[in-house]
């Protein structure tokens, strides 16, 4: 059954269209999205980008860690919402993505000092970053590694900082407990751990592929 014949699916499509349409994006981000499509690199939805900007503004972010640079679409949303002298540390395993993202950031007017790109496996890189030194951590990368991103990411946050995991609802049927593939098991683990952690105030935001987010309400150690 398609959305053309299923009223529930049609309503969901209409809501999704309105939410993404509300989050208007300019030519810089549109060109970055086009480049992402050319490289086969999925980018966050406009609504997800807007939510990242809202969160970064709310925490008055000066230091942000991004796991999964892509070609810079989510990075643009974060940079625009950060303090004028804020620094985005963005991690990706693919050098071509970093080269493209740097061009995207430069074309948007951001000097090289505003962005630190680190090429490598995120779980290795995160251990080298400063504990308690960041305002926001955003992960949009390998789903099976989300428990590790969460464990290490929370350690990087100051009290009041926010961690956001992307794509937690995207085509993986997280609520269907009859399914047991590695991605689902990882997402269920991190959702359960985040929900039960007394240091955190968590929520699921059904935007784009789904955001699992939490704010640190106590010491991160």
Protein backbone atom coordinates (compact mmCIF):
# COMPACT_ATOMS: atom_id res chain seq x y z
CA UNK A 1 0.00 0.00 0.00
CA UNK A 2 1.41 3.38 -0.96
CA UNK A 3 0.83 6.80 0.55
CA UNK A 4 -1.60 7.45 -2.31
CA UNK A 5 -3.95 4.75 -0.95
CA UNK A 6 -3.07 4.75 2.75
CA UNK A 7 -4.52 7.81 4.56
CA UNK A 8 -2.11 7.38 7.50
CA UNK A 9 0.93 7.30 5.20
CA UNK A 10 -0.40 10.26 3.23
CA UNK A 11 -0.80 12.28 6.44
CA UNK A 12 2.72 11.35 7.54
CA UNK A 13 4.09 12.46 4.17
CA UNK A 14 2.19 15.74 4.39
CA UNK A 15 3.47 16.43 7.90
CA UNK A 16 7.03 15.58 6.89
CA UNK A 17 6.76 17.85 3.87
CA UNK A 18 5.49 20.74 5.98
CA UNK A 19 8.19 20.28 8.63
CA UNK A 20 11.01 20.21 6.08
CA UNK A 21 9.46 23.04 4.06
CA UNK A 22 9.20 25.20 7.16
CA UNK A 23 12.97 24.90 7.67
CA UNK A 24 13.96 26.94 4.62
CA UNK A 25 17.57 26.57 3.45
CA UNK A 26 19.65 28.93 1.31
CA UNK A 27 21.68 28.32 -1.84
CA UNK A 28 24.85 27.40 0.07
CA UNK A 29 23.18 24.47 1.79
CA UNK A 30 21.26 23.54 -1.37
CA UNK A 31 24.55 23.26 -3.29
CA UNK A 32 26.02 21.18 -0.48
CA UNK A 33 23.01 18.86 -0.64
CA UNK A 34 23.49 18.46 -4.37
CA UNK A 35 27.13 17.55 -3.87
CA UNK A 36 26.10 15.03 -1.21
CA UNK A 37 23.77 13.37 -3.70
CA UNK A 38 26.54 13.24 -6.30
CA UNK A 39 28.86 11.49 -3.83
CA UNK A 40 26.15 9.17 -2.50
CA UNK A 41 26.52 10.66 0.97
CA UNK A 42 23.18 11.04 2.81
CA UNK A 43 22.69 14.45 4.43
CA UNK A 44 20.48 15.44 7.35
CA UNK A 45 17.00 16.67 6.44
CA UNK A 46 16.22 20.40 6.58
CA UNK A 47 14.16 19.83 9.73
CA UNK A 48 17.01 17.95 11.37
CA UNK A 49 19.42 20.74 10.44
CA UNK A 50 17.07 23.29 11.97
CA UNK A 51 16.83 21.24 15.16
CA UNK A 52 20.62 21.07 15.39
CA UNK A 53 20.77 24.83 15.01
CA UNK A 54 18.16 25.27 17.71
CA UNK A 55 20.06 23.03 20.13
CA UNK A 56 23.40 24.68 19.39
CA UNK A 57 21.87 28.10 19.98
CA UNK A 58 20.16 26.98 23.18
CA UNK A 59 23.40 25.73 24.74
CA UNK A 60 25.32 28.75 23.37
CA UNK A 61 27.73 26.34 21.75
CA UNK A 62 31.37 27.33 21.35
CA UNK A 63 32.84 23.83 21.03
CA UNK A 64 31.01 21.12 19.08
CA UNK A 65 32.02 17.60 18.08
CA UNK A 66 30.45 16.12 14.95
CA UNK A 67 30.84 12.40 14.22
CA UNK A 68 30.27 11.94 10.50
CA UNK A 69 31.21 15.02 8.50
CA UNK A 70 29.62 14.00 5.21
CA UNK A 71 30.02 16.93 2.86
CA UNK A 72 29.22 19.56 5.48
CA UNK A 73 25.43 19.99 5.45
CA UNK A 74 24.98 19.36 9.17
CA UNK A 75 28.21 21.23 9.85
CA UNK A 76 26.82 24.35 8.17
CA UNK A 77 23.72 24.24 10.35
CA UNK A 78 25.88 23.88 13.47
CA UNK A 79 28.37 26.60 12.53
CA UNK A 80 25.61 29.10 11.84
CA UNK A 81 24.16 28.54 15.32
CA UNK A 82 27.44 28.54 17.24
CA UNK A 83 29.19 31.51 18.83
CA UNK A 84 31.08 33.66 16.29
CA UNK A 85 34.40 32.30 17.55
CA UNK A 86 33.14 28.76 18.11
CA UNK A 87 35.04 25.77 16.73
CA UNK A 88 33.47 22.71 15.09
CA UNK A 89 35.53 19.52 15.42
CA UNK A 90 34.25 17.15 12.77
CA UNK A 91 35.34 13.53 12.34
CA UNK A 92 35.02 11.26 9.32
CA UNK A 93 36.87 8.23 7.98
CA UNK A 94 36.57 9.36 4.33
CA UNK A 95 39.19 11.94 3.19
CA UNK A 96 37.14 12.91 0.12
CA UNK A 97 34.25 13.94 2.35
CA UNK A 98 36.59 16.17 4.34
CA UNK A 99 38.01 17.78 1.21
CA UNK A 100 34.51 18.51 -0.05
CA UNK A 101 33.31 19.76 3.35
CA UNK A 102 36.24 22.15 3.68
CA UNK A 103 35.35 23.66 0.31
CA UNK A 104 31.71 23.96 1.42
CA UNK A 105 32.69 25.72 4.66
CA UNK A 106 35.06 28.07 2.83
CA UNK A 107 32.40 28.97 0.26
CA UNK A 108 30.05 29.78 3.14
CA UNK A 109 32.59 32.25 4.52
CA UNK A 110 33.95 30.28 7.47
CA UNK A 111 37.71 30.63 8.03
CA UNK A 112 39.81 27.50 8.53
CA UNK A 113 40.15 28.30 12.23
CA UNK A 114 36.43 27.71 12.78
CA UNK A 115 36.59 24.07 11.68
CA UNK A 116 38.92 21.27 12.75
CA UNK A 117 38.61 18.19 10.52
CA UNK A 118 39.99 14.89 11.82
CA UNK A 119 40.17 11.92 9.47
CA UNK A 120 39.93 8.58 11.25
CA UNK A 121 37.70 6.15 13.08
CA UNK A 122 35.53 8.10 15.47
CA UNK A 123 35.89 5.68 18.38
CA UNK A 124 39.66 6.16 18.23
CA UNK A 125 39.52 9.93 17.80
CA UNK A 126 37.02 10.61 20.59
CA UNK A 127 39.35 9.22 23.25
CA UNK A 128 41.89 11.94 22.36
CA UNK A 129 39.49 14.86 22.86
CA UNK A 130 39.17 16.88 26.08
CA UNK A 131 36.75 15.47 28.66
CA UNK A 132 34.14 18.01 29.72
CA UNK A 133 35.34 20.46 27.07
CA UNK A 134 32.39 20.49 24.66
CA UNK A 135 28.90 21.92 24.52
CA UNK A 136 27.33 19.60 21.96
CA UNK A 137 28.13 16.22 20.40
CA UNK A 138 26.32 15.15 17.23
CA UNK A 139 26.66 11.66 15.76
CA UNK A 140 25.54 10.71 12.26
CA UNK A 141 27.69 7.72 11.39
CA UNK A 142 27.90 3.93 11.82
CA UNK A 143 24.82 2.79 13.74
CA UNK A 144 26.45 -0.26 15.31
CA UNK A 145 29.00 2.05 16.94
CA UNK A 146 26.38 4.31 18.55
CA UNK A 147 26.82 2.79 22.05
CA UNK A 148 30.50 3.71 21.86
CA UNK A 149 29.76 7.19 20.53
CA UNK A 150 27.36 7.67 23.41
CA UNK A 151 29.73 6.45 26.12
CA UNK A 152 32.61 8.56 24.89
CA UNK A 153 30.48 11.51 23.79
CA UNK A 154 28.88 12.05 27.19
CA UNK A 155 32.35 12.19 28.75
CA UNK A 156 33.20 15.09 26.43
CA UNK A 157 30.25 17.23 27.51
CA UNK A 158 30.14 19.93 30.16
CA UNK A 159 27.12 20.02 32.49
CA UNK A 160 24.27 21.42 30.40
CA UNK A 161 25.78 20.07 27.20
CA UNK A 162 23.76 18.00 24.74
CA UNK A 163 24.41 14.77 22.85
CA UNK A 164 22.38 14.01 19.70
CA UNK A 165 22.32 10.71 17.78
CA UNK A 166 20.86 10.79 14.27
CA UNK A 167 18.96 8.14 12.28
CA UNK A 168 17.69 6.21 15.27
CA UNK A 169 14.28 5.69 13.60
CA UNK A 170 15.33 5.38 9.96
CA UNK A 171 14.25 2.12 8.35
CA UNK A 172 15.40 -0.03 11.23
CA UNK A 173 12.10 -0.78 13.03
CA UNK A 174 13.55 0.00 16.45
CA UNK A 175 10.20 -0.72 18.12
CA UNK A 176 9.80 -4.16 16.49
CA UNK A 177 11.31 -6.48 19.08
CA UNK A 178 10.99 -9.45 16.73
CA UNK A 179 13.86 -8.08 14.70
CA UNK A 180 17.42 -8.67 15.89
CA UNK A 181 20.06 -7.30 13.55
CA UNK A 182 23.26 -5.60 14.80
CA UNK A 183 22.05 -2.06 14.05
CA UNK A 184 18.78 -2.57 15.91
CA UNK A 185 20.51 -4.15 18.89
CA UNK A 186 22.96 -1.25 19.07
CA UNK A 187 20.18 1.35 18.89
CA UNK A 188 18.12 -0.40 21.54
CA UNK A 189 21.16 -0.60 23.78
CA UNK A 190 22.01 3.08 23.48
CA UNK A 191 18.37 4.15 23.89
CA UNK A 192 18.03 2.06 27.05
CA UNK A 193 21.34 3.30 28.44
CA UNK A 194 20.51 6.94 27.73
CA UNK A 195 17.03 6.63 29.27
CA UNK A 196 18.35 5.01 32.46
CA UNK A 197 21.31 7.36 33.01
CA UNK A 198 20.59 9.65 35.96
CA UNK A 199 23.00 12.26 34.60
CA UNK A 200 20.86 12.87 31.53
CA UNK A 201 17.52 14.33 30.47
CA UNK A 202 16.68 12.35 27.28
CA UNK A 203 14.09 12.62 24.51
CA UNK A 204 13.37 11.17 21.07
CA UNK A 205 12.66 13.78 18.39
CA UNK A 206 10.88 12.29 15.33
CA UNK A 207 12.56 14.53 12.75
CA UNK A 208 14.21 13.25 9.59
CA UNK A 209 15.65 9.85 10.44
CA UNK A 210 14.92 10.43 14.12
CA UNK A 211 17.05 12.09 16.80
CA UNK A 212 17.87 10.57 20.17
CA UNK A 213 19.01 13.45 22.34
CA UNK A 214 19.93 14.11 25.95
CA UNK A 215 21.17 16.99 28.05
CA UNK A 216 23.71 16.47 30.83
CA UNK A 217 22.07 17.60 34.07
CA UNK A 218 24.88 16.62 36.41
CA UNK A 219 28.64 16.06 36.37
CA UNK A 220 29.78 14.14 33.28
CA UNK A 221 32.30 12.04 35.19
